[in-house]
Amino acid sequence: QVQLVESGGGLVQPGGSLRLSCAASGIIFSIYDMGWYRQAPGKQRELVAGINSAGGTKYTDSVKGRFTISRDNAKNTVYLQMDSLKPEDTAVYYCNADGRDIVNLPSDLMDLWGQGTQVTVAS
């Protein structure tokens, strides 16, 4: 039962907000670095935001000041709060669990992905 399940996507108007959630199961969530990626049609998948096991965060330049990544280890969940959304934010958003820095982690638990959730920003 190792899985990441995203939720919270949908259709929102420009300037609106969404909060994405990613619930993890089957892993020791608190020791993983977590990230949100997105992929728009015809574009490469990009890292939108990351939060490491210590709580440190990073963001791609295009979302700085608008998006906030957070995690609740008690709920095994990582969030992406998206404010001031723009049409160019439209993409499928994927949750990722990065275990590459975890000692002796089995290879099949080292890089995990959710199924994706669609975010569409349009009038």
PDB file of N, CA and C in Angstrom:
ATOM      1  N   GLN A   1       0.809  -1.193   0.000  1.00  0.00           N
ATOM      2  CA  GLN A   1       0.000   0.000   0.000  1.00  0.00           C
ATOM      3  C   GLN A   1       0.857   1.264   0.000  1.00  0.00           C
ATOM      4  N   VAL A   2       1.898   1.248  -0.789  1.00  0.00           N
ATOM      5  CA  VAL A   2       2.733   2.433  -0.957  1.00  0.00           C
ATOM      6  C   VAL A   2       2.107   3.276  -2.057  1.00  0.00           C
ATOM      7  N   GLN A   3       1.644   4.440  -1.711  1.00  0.00           N
ATOM      8  CA  GLN A   3       1.038   5.285  -2.710  1.00  0.00           C
ATOM      9  C   GLN A   3       0.965   6.733  -2.256  1.00  0.00           C
ATOM     10  N   LEU A   4       0.903   7.604  -3.243  1.00  0.00           N
ATOM     11  CA  LEU A   4       0.662   9.021  -3.055  1.00  0.00           C
ATOM     12  C   LEU A   4      -0.610   9.367  -3.810  1.00  0.00           C
ATOM     13  N   VAL A   5      -1.526  10.022  -3.151  1.00  0.00           N
ATOM     14  CA  VAL A   5      -2.812  10.344  -3.750  1.00  0.00           C
ATOM     15  C   VAL A   5      -3.044  11.840  -3.659  1.00  0.00           C
ATOM     16  N   GLU A   6      -3.094  12.486  -4.820  1.00  0.00           N
ATOM     17  CA  GLU A   6      -3.342  13.920  -4.876  1.00  0.00           C
ATOM     18  C   GLU A   6      -4.835  14.212  -4.917  1.00  0.00           C
ATOM     19  N   SER A   7      -5.189  15.373  -4.403  1.00  0.00           N
ATOM     20  CA  SER A   7      -6.550  15.854  -4.500  1.00  0.00           C
ATOM     21  C   SER A   7      -6.531  17.374  -4.459  1.00  0.00           C
ATOM     22  N   GLY A   8      -7.644  17.972  -4.814  1.00  0.00           N
ATOM     23  CA  GLY A   8      -7.800  19.408  -4.702  1.00  0.00           C
ATOM     24  C   GLY A   8      -7.735  20.178  -5.998  1.00  0.00           C
ATOM     25  N   GLY A   9      -7.431  19.507  -7.086  1.00  0.00           N
ATOM     26  CA  GLY A   9      -7.394  20.191  -8.361  1.00  0.00           C
ATOM     27  C   GLY A   9      -8.778  20.543  -8.849  1.00  0.00           C
ATOM     28  N   GLY A  10      -8.816  21.323  -9.904  1.00  0.00           N
ATOM     29  CA  GLY A  10     -10.085  21.724 -10.473  1.00  0.00           C
ATOM     30  C   GLY A  10      -9.939  22.939 -11.345  1.00  0.00           C
ATOM     31  N   LEU A  11     -11.072  23.519 -11.667  1.00  0.00           N
ATOM     32  CA  LEU A  11     -11.139  24.715 -12.492  1.00  0.00           C
ATOM     33  C   LEU A  11     -11.283  25.934 -11.603  1.00  0.00           C
ATOM     34  N   VAL A  12     -10.445  26.920 -11.833  1.00  0.00           N
ATOM     35  CA  VAL A  12     -10.476  28.140 -11.044  1.00  0.00           C
ATOM     36  C   VAL A  12     -10.230  29.330 -11.962  1.00  0.00           C
ATOM     37  N   GLN A  13     -10.798  30.463 -11.606  1.00  0.00           N
ATOM     38  CA  GLN A  13     -10.605  31.678 -12.385  1.00  0.00           C
ATOM     39  C   GLN A  13      -9.236  32.288 -12.121  1.00  0.00           C
ATOM     40  N   PRO A  14      -8.700  33.018 -13.089  1.00  0.00           N
ATOM     41  CA  PRO A  14      -7.457  33.745 -12.826  1.00  0.00           C
ATOM     42  C   PRO A  14      -7.592  34.617 -11.587  1.00  0.00           C
ATOM     43  N   GLY A  15      -6.551  34.608 -10.776  1.00  0.00           N
ATOM     44  CA  GLY A  15      -6.574  35.320  -9.519  1.00  0.00           C
ATOM     45  C   GLY A  15      -7.119  34.525  -8.355  1.00  0.00           C
ATOM     46  N   GLY A  16      -7.681  33.379  -8.640  1.00  0.00           N
ATOM     47  CA  GLY A  16      -8.242  32.543  -7.600  1.00  0.00           C
ATOM     48  C   GLY A  16      -7.212  31.677  -6.921  1.00  0.00           C
ATOM     49  N   SER A  17      -7.715  30.819  -6.041  1.00  0.00           N
ATOM     50  CA  SER A  17      -6.852  29.977  -5.226  1.00  0.00           C
ATOM     51  C   SER A  17      -7.320  28.537  -5.236  1.00  0.00           C
ATOM     52  N   LEU A  18      -6.378  27.646  -5.061  1.00  0.00           N
ATOM     53  CA  LEU A  18      -6.637  26.235  -4.838  1.00  0.00           C
ATOM     54  C   LEU A  18      -5.624  25.723  -3.833  1.00  0.00           C
ATOM     55  N   ARG A  19      -6.018  24.706  -3.107  1.00  0.00           N
ATOM     56  CA  ARG A  19      -5.069  24.005  -2.255  1.00  0.00           C
ATOM     57  C   ARG A  19      -5.045  22.537  -2.644  1.00  0.00           C
ATOM     58  N   LEU A  20      -3.885  22.089  -3.070  1.00  0.00           N
ATOM     59  CA  LEU A  20      -3.683  20.693  -3.400  1.00  0.00           C
ATOM     60  C   LEU A  20      -3.197  19.930  -2.179  1.00  0.00           C
ATOM     61  N   SER A  21      -3.632  18.703  -2.068  1.00  0.00           N
ATOM     62  CA  SER A  21      -3.195  17.824  -1.001  1.00  0.00           C
ATOM     63  C   SER A  21      -2.628  16.552  -1.595  1.00  0.00           C
ATOM     64  N   CYS A  22      -1.650  16.001  -0.932  1.00  0.00           N
ATOM     65  CA  CYS A  22      -1.070  14.724  -1.319  1.00  0.00           C
ATOM     66  C   CYS A  22      -0.936  13.886  -0.068  1.00  0.00           C
ATOM     67  N   ALA A  23      -1.701  12.826  -0.005  1.00  0.00           N
ATOM     68  CA  ALA A  23      -1.683  11.927   1.137  1.00  0.00           C
ATOM     69  C   ALA A  23      -0.833  10.711   0.816  1.00  0.00           C
ATOM     70  N   ALA A  24       0.133  10.453   1.662  1.00  0.00           N
ATOM     71  CA  ALA A  24       1.052   9.343   1.469  1.00  0.00           C
ATOM     72  C   ALA A  24       0.704   8.195   2.403  1.00  0.00           C
ATOM     73  N   SER A  25       0.907   6.994   1.915  1.00  0.00           N
ATOM     74  CA  SER A  25       0.750   5.811   2.739  1.00  0.00           C
ATOM     75  C   SER A  25       1.847   4.817   2.400  1.00  0.00           C
ATOM     76  N   GLY A  26       2.188   3.995   3.361  1.00  0.00           N
ATOM     77  CA  GLY A  26       3.166   2.947   3.143  1.00  0.00           C
ATOM     78  C   GLY A  26       4.614   3.378   3.232  1.00  0.00           C
ATOM     79  N   ILE A  27       4.869   4.618   3.621  1.00  0.00           N
ATOM     80  CA  ILE A  27       6.225   5.120   3.791  1.00  0.00           C
ATOM     81  C   ILE A  27       6.334   5.843   5.125  1.00  0.00           C
ATOM     82  N   ILE A  28       7.574   5.984   5.594  1.00  0.00           N
ATOM     83  CA  ILE A  28       7.816   6.826   6.760  1.00  0.00           C
ATOM     84  C   ILE A  28       7.886   8.246   6.227  1.00  0.00           C
ATOM     85  N   PHE A  29       6.744   8.883   6.192  1.00  0.00           N
ATOM     86  CA  PHE A  29       6.575  10.145   5.490  1.00  0.00           C
ATOM     87  C   PHE A  29       7.535  11.220   5.973  1.00  0.00           C
ATOM     88  N   SER A  30       7.749  11.296   7.275  1.00  0.00           N
ATOM     89  CA  SER A  30       8.484  12.411   7.858  1.00  0.00           C
ATOM     90  C   SER A  30       9.932  12.491   7.408  1.00  0.00           C
ATOM     91  N   ILE A  31      10.505  11.411   6.926  1.00  0.00           N
ATOM     92  CA  ILE A  31      11.910  11.418   6.531  1.00  0.00           C
ATOM     93  C   ILE A  31      12.106  11.643   5.030  1.00  0.00           C
ATOM     94  N   TYR A  32      11.033  11.746   4.288  1.00  0.00           N
ATOM     95  CA  TYR A  32      11.121  11.993   2.856  1.00  0.00           C
ATOM     96  C   TYR A  32      11.122  13.483   2.545  1.00  0.00           C
ATOM     97  N   ASP A  33      11.866  13.837   1.519  1.00  0.00           N
ATOM     98  CA  ASP A  33      11.681  15.128   0.883  1.00  0.00           C
ATOM     99  C   ASP A  33      10.471  15.034  -0.043  1.00  0.00           C
ATOM    100  N   MET A  34       9.617  16.020   0.007  1.00  0.00           N
ATOM    101  CA  MET A  34       8.392  16.014  -0.780  1.00  0.00           C
ATOM    102  C   MET A  34       8.403  17.159  -1.777  1.00  0.00           C
ATOM    103  N   GLY A  35       7.775  16.924  -2.900  1.00  0.00           N
ATOM    104  CA  GLY A  35       7.728  17.963  -3.914  1.00  0.00           C
ATOM    105  C   GLY A  35       6.452  17.926  -4.716  1.00  0.00           C
ATOM    106  N   TRP A  36       6.147  19.069  -5.288  1.00  0.00           N
ATOM    107  CA  TRP A  36       5.079  19.195  -6.267  1.00  0.00           C
ATOM    108  C   TRP A  36       5.690  19.537  -7.616  1.00  0.00           C
ATOM    109  N   TYR A  37       5.347  18.760  -8.601  1.00  0.00           N
ATOM    110  CA  TYR A  37       5.741  18.990  -9.979  1.00  0.00           C
ATOM    111  C   TYR A  37       4.500  19.273 -10.807  1.00  0.00           C
ATOM    112  N   ARG A  38       4.715  19.865 -11.951  1.00  0.00           N
ATOM    113  CA  ARG A  38       3.599  20.047 -12.870  1.00  0.00           C
ATOM    114  C   ARG A  38       4.070  19.837 -14.298  1.00  0.00           C
ATOM    115  N   GLN A  39       3.136  19.445 -15.127  1.00  0.00           N
ATOM    116  CA  GLN A  39       3.407  19.256 -16.538  1.00  0.00           C
ATOM    117  C   GLN A  39       2.226  19.761 -17.349  1.00  0.00           C
ATOM    118  N   ALA A  40       2.499  20.741 -18.174  1.00  0.00           N
ATOM    119  CA  ALA A  40       1.507  21.272 -19.092  1.00  0.00           C
ATOM    120  C   ALA A  40       1.683  20.597 -20.444  1.00  0.00           C
ATOM    121  N   PRO A  41       0.635  20.574 -21.257  1.00  0.00           N
ATOM    122  CA  PRO A  41       0.739  19.946 -22.572  1.00  0.00           C
ATOM    123  C   PRO A  41       1.882  20.525 -23.392  1.00  0.00           C
ATOM    124  N   GLY A  42       2.700  19.661 -23.946  1.00  0.00           N
ATOM    125  CA  GLY A  42       3.808  20.087 -24.771  1.00  0.00           C
ATOM    126  C   GLY A  42       5.004  20.626 -24.023  1.00  0.00           C
ATOM    127  N   LYS A  43       4.982  20.572 -22.711  1.00  0.00           N
ATOM    128  CA  LYS A  43       6.078  21.101 -21.922  1.00  0.00           C
ATOM    129  C   LYS A  43       6.714  20.012 -21.066  1.00  0.00           C
ATOM    130  N   GLN A  44       7.917  20.298 -20.620  1.00  0.00           N
ATOM    131  CA  GLN A  44       8.620  19.406 -19.723  1.00  0.00           C
ATOM    132  C   GLN A  44       8.010  19.466 -18.329  1.00  0.00           C
ATOM    133  N   ARG A  45       8.106  18.370 -17.613  1.00  0.00           N
ATOM    134  CA  ARG A  45       7.713  18.388 -16.221  1.00  0.00           C
ATOM    135  C   ARG A  45       8.699  19.232 -15.425  1.00  0.00           C
ATOM    136  N   GLU A  46       8.178  20.078 -14.561  1.00  0.00           N
ATOM    137  CA  GLU A  46       9.029  20.949 -13.776  1.00  0.00           C
ATOM    138  C   GLU A  46       8.698  20.855 -12.298  1.00  0.00           C
ATOM    139  N   LEU A  47       9.710  21.039 -11.498  1.00  0.00           N
ATOM    140  CA  LEU A  47       9.515  21.126 -10.059  1.00  0.00           C
ATOM    141  C   LEU A  47       8.928  22.486  -9.725  1.00  0.00           C
ATOM    142  N   VAL A  48       7.776  22.484  -9.089  1.00  0.00           N
ATOM    143  CA  VAL A  48       7.106  23.707  -8.686  1.00  0.00           C
ATOM    144  C   VAL A  48       7.554  24.140  -7.300  1.00  0.00           C
ATOM    145  N   ALA A  49       7.544  23.212  -6.378  1.00  0.00           N
ATOM    146  CA  ALA A  49       7.897  23.498  -4.999  1.00  0.00           C
ATOM    147  C   ALA A  49       8.372  22.232  -4.328  1.00  0.00           C
ATOM    148  N   GLY A  50       9.296  22.384  -3.408  1.00  0.00           N
ATOM    149  CA  GLY A  50       9.782  21.264  -2.635  1.00  0.00           C
ATOM    150  C   GLY A  50       9.888  21.615  -1.173  1.00  0.00           C
ATOM    151  N   ILE A  51       9.732  20.611  -0.349  1.00  0.00           N
ATOM    152  CA  ILE A  51       9.925  20.778   1.085  1.00  0.00           C
ATOM    153  C   ILE A  51      10.673  19.556   1.584  1.00  0.00           C
ATOM    154  N   ASN A  52      11.796  19.794   2.245  1.00  0.00           N
ATOM    155  CA  ASN A  52      12.589  18.670   2.697  1.00  0.00           C
ATOM    156  C   ASN A  52      12.132  18.185   4.062  1.00  0.00           C
ATOM    157  N   SER A  53      12.793  17.152   4.536  1.00  0.00           N
ATOM    158  CA  SER A  53      12.368  16.544   5.787  1.00  0.00           C
ATOM    159  C   SER A  53      12.537  17.467   6.984  1.00  0.00           C
ATOM    160  N   ALA A  54      13.391  18.470   6.861  1.00  0.00           N
ATOM    161  CA  ALA A  54      13.588  19.447   7.918  1.00  0.00           C
ATOM    162  C   ALA A  54      12.655  20.642   7.820  1.00  0.00           C
ATOM    163  N   GLY A  55      11.843  20.693   6.771  1.00  0.00           N
ATOM    164  CA  GLY A  55      10.915  21.789   6.602  1.00  0.00           C
ATOM    165  C   GLY A  55      11.389  22.897   5.696  1.00  0.00           C
ATOM    166  N   GLY A  56      12.609  22.801   5.175  1.00  0.00           N
ATOM    167  CA  GLY A  56      13.090  23.793   4.251  1.00  0.00           C
ATOM    168  C   GLY A  56      12.360  23.720   2.929  1.00  0.00           C
ATOM    169  N   THR A  57      12.126  24.866   2.320  1.00  0.00           N
ATOM    170  CA  THR A  57      11.328  24.928   1.103  1.00  0.00           C
ATOM    171  C   THR A  57      12.092  25.567  -0.038  1.00  0.00           C
ATOM    172  N   LYS A  58      11.656  25.258  -1.247  1.00  0.00           N
ATOM    173  CA  LYS A  58      12.152  25.916  -2.442  1.00  0.00           C
ATOM    174  C   LYS A  58      11.033  25.991  -3.460  1.00  0.00           C
ATOM    175  N   TYR A  59      11.135  26.976  -4.351  1.00  0.00           N
ATOM    176  CA  TYR A  59      10.107  27.216  -5.347  1.00  0.00           C
ATOM    177  C   TYR A  59      10.740  27.598  -6.667  1.00  0.00           C
ATOM    178  N   THR A  60      10.083  27.220  -7.732  1.00  0.00           N
ATOM    179  CA  THR A  60      10.488  27.742  -9.020  1.00  0.00           C
ATOM    180  C   THR A  60      10.113  29.223  -9.087  1.00  0.00           C
ATOM    181  N   ASP A  61      10.904  29.992  -9.822  1.00  0.00           N
ATOM    182  CA  ASP A  61      10.742  31.445  -9.814  1.00  0.00           C
ATOM    183  C   ASP A  61       9.335  31.897 -10.184  1.00  0.00           C
ATOM    184  N   SER A  62       8.698  31.202 -11.090  1.00  0.00           N
ATOM    185  CA  SER A  62       7.409  31.644 -11.595  1.00  0.00           C
ATOM    186  C   SER A  62       6.283  31.579 -10.562  1.00  0.00           C
ATOM    187  N   VAL A  63       6.489  30.860  -9.470  1.00  0.00           N
ATOM    188  CA  VAL A  63       5.437  30.739  -8.458  1.00  0.00           C
ATOM    189  C   VAL A  63       5.814  31.381  -7.135  1.00  0.00           C
ATOM    190  N   LYS A  64       7.022  31.898  -7.019  1.00  0.00           N
ATOM    191  CA  LYS A  64       7.441  32.511  -5.766  1.00  0.00           C
ATOM    192  C   LYS A  64       6.522  33.663  -5.394  1.00  0.00           C
ATOM    193  N   GLY A  65       6.113  33.679  -4.143  1.00  0.00           N
ATOM    194  CA  GLY A  65       5.207  34.696  -3.663  1.00  0.00           C
ATOM    195  C   GLY A  65       3.755  34.367  -3.861  1.00  0.00           C
ATOM    196  N   ARG A  66       3.463  33.335  -4.657  1.00  0.00           N
ATOM    197  CA  ARG A  66       2.083  32.957  -4.917  1.00  0.00           C
ATOM    198  C   ARG A  66       1.728  31.588  -4.350  1.00  0.00           C
ATOM    199  N   PHE A  67       2.686  30.675  -4.358  1.00  0.00           N
ATOM    200  CA  PHE A  67       2.447  29.313  -3.895  1.00  0.00           C
ATOM    201  C   PHE A  67       3.182  29.076  -2.589  1.00  0.00           C
ATOM    202  N   THR A  68       2.612  28.229  -1.754  1.00  0.00           N
ATOM    203  CA  THR A  68       3.232  27.844  -0.499  1.00  0.00           C
ATOM    204  C   THR A  68       3.121  26.340  -0.321  1.00  0.00           C
ATOM    205  N   ILE A  69       4.257  25.695  -0.128  1.00  0.00           N
ATOM    206  CA  ILE A  69       4.261  24.273   0.164  1.00  0.00           C
ATOM    207  C   ILE A  69       4.392  24.082   1.668  1.00  0.00           C
ATOM    208  N   SER A  70       3.682  23.110   2.183  1.00  0.00           N
ATOM    209  CA  SER A  70       3.755  22.799   3.600  1.00  0.00           C
ATOM    210  C   SER A  70       3.531  21.308   3.789  1.00  0.00           C
ATOM    211  N   ARG A  71       3.832  20.838   4.961  1.00  0.00           N
ATOM    212  CA  ARG A  71       3.605  19.427   5.244  1.00  0.00           C
ATOM    213  C   ARG A  71       3.087  19.255   6.661  1.00  0.00           C
ATOM    214  N   ASP A  72       2.292  18.232   6.841  1.00  0.00           N
ATOM    215  CA  ASP A  72       1.781  17.850   8.144  1.00  0.00           C
ATOM    216  C   ASP A  72       2.170  16.396   8.335  1.00  0.00           C
ATOM    217  N   ASN A  73       3.251  16.185   9.048  1.00  0.00           N
ATOM    218  CA  ASN A  73       3.757  14.824   9.201  1.00  0.00           C
ATOM    219  C   ASN A  73       2.796  13.928   9.977  1.00  0.00           C
ATOM    220  N   ALA A  74       2.015  14.507  10.874  1.00  0.00           N
ATOM    221  CA  ALA A  74       1.043  13.724  11.619  1.00  0.00           C
ATOM    222  C   ALA A  74      -0.046  13.169  10.719  1.00  0.00           C
ATOM    223  N   LYS A  75      -0.294  13.843   9.601  1.00  0.00           N
ATOM    224  CA  LYS A  75      -1.304  13.399   8.648  1.00  0.00           C
ATOM    225  C   LYS A  75      -0.712  12.765   7.405  1.00  0.00           C
ATOM    226  N   ASN A  76       0.604  12.638   7.365  1.00  0.00           N
ATOM    227  CA  ASN A  76       1.289  12.086   6.191  1.00  0.00           C
ATOM    228  C   ASN A  76       0.861  12.802   4.912  1.00  0.00           C
ATOM    229  N   THR A  77       0.783  14.110   4.990  1.00  0.00           N
ATOM    230  CA  THR A  77       0.236  14.890   3.889  1.00  0.00           C
ATOM    231  C   THR A  77       1.105  16.099   3.598  1.00  0.00           C
ATOM    232  N   VAL A  78       1.296  16.359   2.314  1.00  0.00           N
ATOM    233  CA  VAL A  78       1.942  17.578   1.862  1.00  0.00           C
ATOM    234  C   VAL A  78       0.920  18.391   1.084  1.00  0.00           C
ATOM    235  N   TYR A  79       0.992  19.704   1.227  1.00  0.00           N
ATOM    236  CA  TYR A  79       0.031  20.606   0.619  1.00  0.00           C
ATOM    237  C   TYR A  79       0.731  21.585  -0.314  1.00  0.00           C
ATOM    238  N   LEU A  80      -0.015  22.062  -1.269  1.00  0.00           N
ATOM    239  CA  LEU A  80       0.424  23.176  -2.091  1.00  0.00           C
ATOM    240  C   LEU A  80      -0.703  24.194  -2.143  1.00  0.00           C
ATOM    241  N   GLN A  81      -0.531  25.277  -1.423  1.00  0.00           N
ATOM    242  CA  GLN A  81      -1.478  26.379  -1.465  1.00  0.00           C
ATOM    243  C   GLN A  81      -1.117  27.267  -2.640  1.00  0.00           C
ATOM    244  N   MET A  82      -2.045  27.440  -3.548  1.00  0.00           N
ATOM    245  CA  MET A  82      -1.813  28.196  -4.766  1.00  0.00           C
ATOM    246  C   MET A  82      -2.739  29.400  -4.770  1.00  0.00           C
ATOM    247  N   ASP A  83      -2.156  30.567  -4.705  1.00  0.00           N
ATOM    248  CA  ASP A  83      -2.896  31.818  -4.722  1.00  0.00           C
ATOM    249  C   ASP A  83      -2.536  32.611  -5.968  1.00  0.00           C
ATOM    250  N   SER A  84      -3.373  33.581  -6.283  1.00  0.00           N
ATOM    251  CA  SER A  84      -3.141  34.448  -7.439  1.00  0.00           C
ATOM    252  C   SER A  84      -2.845  33.639  -8.691  1.00  0.00           C
ATOM    253  N   LEU A  85      -3.668  32.654  -8.935  1.00  0.00           N
ATOM    254  CA  LEU A  85      -3.421  31.734 -10.035  1.00  0.00           C
ATOM    255  C   LEU A  85      -3.526  32.425 -11.388  1.00  0.00           C
ATOM    256  N   LYS A  86      -2.693  31.972 -12.292  1.00  0.00           N
ATOM    257  CA  LYS A  86      -2.616  32.495 -13.644  1.00  0.00           C
ATOM    258  C   LYS A  86      -2.913  31.387 -14.638  1.00  0.00           C
ATOM    259  N   PRO A  87      -3.378  31.738 -15.832  1.00  0.00           N
ATOM    260  CA  PRO A  87      -3.615  30.700 -16.833  1.00  0.00           C
ATOM    261  C   PRO A  87      -2.400  29.826 -17.103  1.00  0.00           C
ATOM    262  N   GLU A  88      -1.216  30.388 -17.022  1.00  0.00           N
ATOM    263  CA  GLU A  88      -0.011  29.609 -17.267  1.00  0.00           C
ATOM    264  C   GLU A  88       0.295  28.600 -16.165  1.00  0.00           C
ATOM    265  N   ASP A  89      -0.455  28.642 -15.070  1.00  0.00           N
ATOM    266  CA  ASP A  89      -0.341  27.613 -14.050  1.00  0.00           C
ATOM    267  C   ASP A  89      -1.108  26.348 -14.411  1.00  0.00           C
ATOM    268  N   THR A  90      -1.872  26.395 -15.469  1.00  0.00           N
ATOM    269  CA  THR A  90      -2.648  25.238 -15.893  1.00  0.00           C
ATOM    270  C   THR A  90      -1.729  24.071 -16.225  1.00  0.00           C
ATOM    271  N   ALA A  91      -1.964  22.949 -15.580  1.00  0.00           N
ATOM    272  CA  ALA A  91      -1.118  21.779 -15.755  1.00  0.00           C
ATOM    273  C   ALA A  91      -1.689  20.640 -14.927  1.00  0.00           C
ATOM    274  N   VAL A  92      -1.141  19.466 -15.147  1.00  0.00           N
ATOM    275  CA  VAL A  92      -1.353  18.365 -14.221  1.00  0.00           C
ATOM    276  C   VAL A  92      -0.280  18.463 -13.150  1.00  0.00           C
ATOM    277  N   TYR A  93      -0.704  18.458 -11.918  1.00  0.00           N
ATOM    278  CA  TYR A  93       0.202  18.586 -10.789  1.00  0.00           C
ATOM    279  C   TYR A  93       0.408  17.225 -10.149  1.00  0.00           C
ATOM    280  N   TYR A  94       1.663  16.887  -9.931  1.00  0.00           N
ATOM    281  CA  TYR A  94       2.043  15.596  -9.389  1.00  0.00           C
ATOM    282  C   TYR A  94       2.778  15.756  -8.071  1.00  0.00           C
ATOM    283  N   CYS A  95       2.481  14.884  -7.157  1.00  0.00           N
ATOM    284  CA  CYS A  95       3.173  14.804  -5.889  1.00  0.00           C
ATOM    285  C   CYS A  95       4.325  13.809  -6.008  1.00  0.00           C
ATOM    286  N   ASN A  96       5.445  14.154  -5.418  1.00  0.00           N
ATOM    287  CA  ASN A  96       6.622  13.295  -5.454  1.00  0.00           C
ATOM    288  C   ASN A  96       7.209  13.137  -4.062  1.00  0.00           C
ATOM    289  N   ALA A  97       7.596  11.925  -3.754  1.00  0.00           N
ATOM    290  CA  ALA A  97       8.340  11.625  -2.535  1.00  0.00           C
ATOM    291  C   ALA A  97       9.733  11.184  -2.929  1.00  0.00           C
ATOM    292  N   ASP A  98      10.727  11.909  -2.464  1.00  0.00           N
ATOM    293  CA  ASP A  98      12.124  11.685  -2.827  1.00  0.00           C
ATOM    294  C   ASP A  98      12.854  11.091  -1.632  1.00  0.00           C
ATOM    295  N   GLY A  99      13.217   9.835  -1.761  1.00  0.00           N
ATOM    296  CA  GLY A  99      13.919   9.152  -0.693  1.00  0.00           C
ATOM    297  C   GLY A  99      15.375   8.885  -0.973  1.00  0.00           C
ATOM    298  N   ARG A 100      15.961   9.593  -1.917  1.00  0.00           N
ATOM    299  CA  ARG A 100      17.333   9.302  -2.334  1.00  0.00           C
ATOM    300  C   ARG A 100      18.365   9.515  -1.243  1.00  0.00           C
ATOM    301  N   ASP A 101      18.065  10.333  -0.262  1.00  0.00           N
ATOM    302  CA  ASP A 101      18.991  10.586   0.839  1.00  0.00           C
ATOM    303  C   ASP A 101      18.718   9.719   2.058  1.00  0.00           C
ATOM    304  N   ILE A 102      17.814   8.776   1.938  1.00  0.00           N
ATOM    305  CA  ILE A 102      17.485   7.903   3.053  1.00  0.00           C
ATOM    306  C   ILE A 102      18.377   6.676   2.988  1.00  0.00           C
ATOM    307  N   VAL A 103      19.087   6.431   4.050  1.00  0.00           N
ATOM    308  CA  VAL A 103      20.054   5.340   4.085  1.00  0.00           C
ATOM    309  C   VAL A 103      19.347   3.992   3.993  1.00  0.00           C
ATOM    310  N   ASN A 104      19.858   3.131   3.133  1.00  0.00           N
ATOM    311  CA  ASN A 104      19.394   1.747   2.996  1.00  0.00           C
ATOM    312  C   ASN A 104      17.943   1.633   2.555  1.00  0.00           C
ATOM    313  N   LEU A 105      17.457   2.624   1.856  1.00  0.00           N
ATOM    314  CA  LEU A 105      16.089   2.559   1.369  1.00  0.00           C
ATOM    315  C   LEU A 105      16.016   1.657   0.146  1.00  0.00           C
ATOM    316  N   PRO A 106      15.061   0.748   0.104  1.00  0.00           N
ATOM    317  CA  PRO A 106      14.892  -0.059  -1.106  1.00  0.00           C
ATOM    318  C   PRO A 106      14.652   0.813  -2.325  1.00  0.00           C
ATOM    319  N   SER A 107      15.165   0.368  -3.447  1.00  0.00           N
ATOM    320  CA  SER A 107      15.104   1.184  -4.647  1.00  0.00           C
ATOM    321  C   SER A 107      13.681   1.502  -5.081  1.00  0.00           C
ATOM    322  N   ASP A 108      12.752   0.612  -4.810  1.00  0.00           N
ATOM    323  CA  ASP A 108      11.374   0.850  -5.214  1.00  0.00           C
ATOM    324  C   ASP A 108      10.654   1.862  -4.337  1.00  0.00           C
ATOM    325  N   LEU A 109      11.301   2.330  -3.283  1.00  0.00           N
ATOM    326  CA  LEU A 109      10.741   3.368  -2.423  1.00  0.00           C
ATOM    327  C   LEU A 109      11.496   4.681  -2.538  1.00  0.00           C
ATOM    328  N   MET A 110      12.392   4.771  -3.493  1.00  0.00           N
ATOM    329  CA  MET A 110      13.299   5.895  -3.562  1.00  0.00           C
ATOM    330  C   MET A 110      12.727   7.104  -4.305  1.00  0.00           C
ATOM    331  N   ASP A 111      11.811   6.863  -5.195  1.00  0.00           N
ATOM    332  CA  ASP A 111      11.260   7.922  -6.033  1.00  0.00           C
ATOM    333  C   ASP A 111       9.816   7.571  -6.353  1.00  0.00           C
ATOM    334  N   LEU A 112       8.902   8.182  -5.636  1.00  0.00           N
ATOM    335  CA  LEU A 112       7.489   7.840  -5.716  1.00  0.00           C
ATOM    336  C   LEU A 112       6.677   8.992  -6.284  1.00  0.00           C
ATOM    337  N   TRP A 113       5.637   8.643  -7.024  1.00  0.00           N
ATOM    338  CA  TRP A 113       4.808   9.637  -7.699  1.00  0.00           C
ATOM    339  C   TRP A 113       3.334   9.355  -7.496  1.00  0.00           C
ATOM    340  N   GLY A 114       2.578  10.410  -7.378  1.00  0.00           N
ATOM    341  CA  GLY A 114       1.143  10.295  -7.375  1.00  0.00           C
ATOM    342  C   GLY A 114       0.591  10.230  -8.778  1.00  0.00           C
ATOM    343  N   GLN A 115      -0.708  10.102  -8.868  1.00  0.00           N
ATOM    344  CA  GLN A 115      -1.367   9.932 -10.165  1.00  0.00           C
ATOM    345  C   GLN A 115      -1.592  11.253 -10.898  1.00  0.00           C
ATOM    346  N   GLY A 116      -1.484  12.349 -10.195  1.00  0.00           N
ATOM    347  CA  GLY A 116      -1.676  13.659 -10.776  1.00  0.00           C
ATOM    348  C   GLY A 116      -3.076  14.191 -10.572  1.00  0.00           C
ATOM    349  N   THR A 117      -3.181  15.502 -10.483  1.00  0.00           N
ATOM    350  CA  THR A 117      -4.464  16.169 -10.394  1.00  0.00           C
ATOM    351  C   THR A 117      -4.445  17.382 -11.316  1.00  0.00           C
ATOM    352  N   GLN A 118      -5.511  17.546 -12.075  1.00  0.00           N
ATOM    353  CA  GLN A 118      -5.580  18.602 -13.072  1.00  0.00           C
ATOM    354  C   GLN A 118      -5.931  19.934 -12.427  1.00  0.00           C
ATOM    355  N   VAL A 119      -5.151  20.944 -12.745  1.00  0.00           N
ATOM    356  CA  VAL A 119      -5.449  22.319 -12.365  1.00  0.00           C
ATOM    357  C   VAL A 119      -5.633  23.121 -13.643  1.00  0.00           C
ATOM    358  N   THR A 120      -6.792  23.725 -13.775  1.00  0.00           N
ATOM    359  CA  THR A 120      -7.090  24.550 -14.936  1.00  0.00           C
ATOM    360  C   THR A 120      -7.463  25.945 -14.465  1.00  0.00           C
ATOM    361  N   VAL A 121      -6.743  26.935 -14.953  1.00  0.00           N
ATOM    362  CA  VAL A 121      -6.977  28.327 -14.588  1.00  0.00           C
ATOM    363  C   VAL A 121      -7.510  29.034 -15.826  1.00  0.00           C
ATOM    364  N   ALA A 122      -8.771  29.362 -15.796  1.00  0.00           N
ATOM    365  CA  ALA A 122      -9.424  29.958 -16.954  1.00  0.00           C
ATOM    366  C   ALA A 122     -10.705  30.636 -16.515  1.00  0.00           C
ATOM    367  N   SER A 123     -11.149  31.593 -17.341  1.00  0.00           N
ATOM    368  CA  SER A 123     -12.401  32.272 -17.077  1.00  0.00           C
ATOM    369  C   SER A 123     -13.595  31.466 -17.556  1.00  0.00           C
TER     370      SER A 123
END
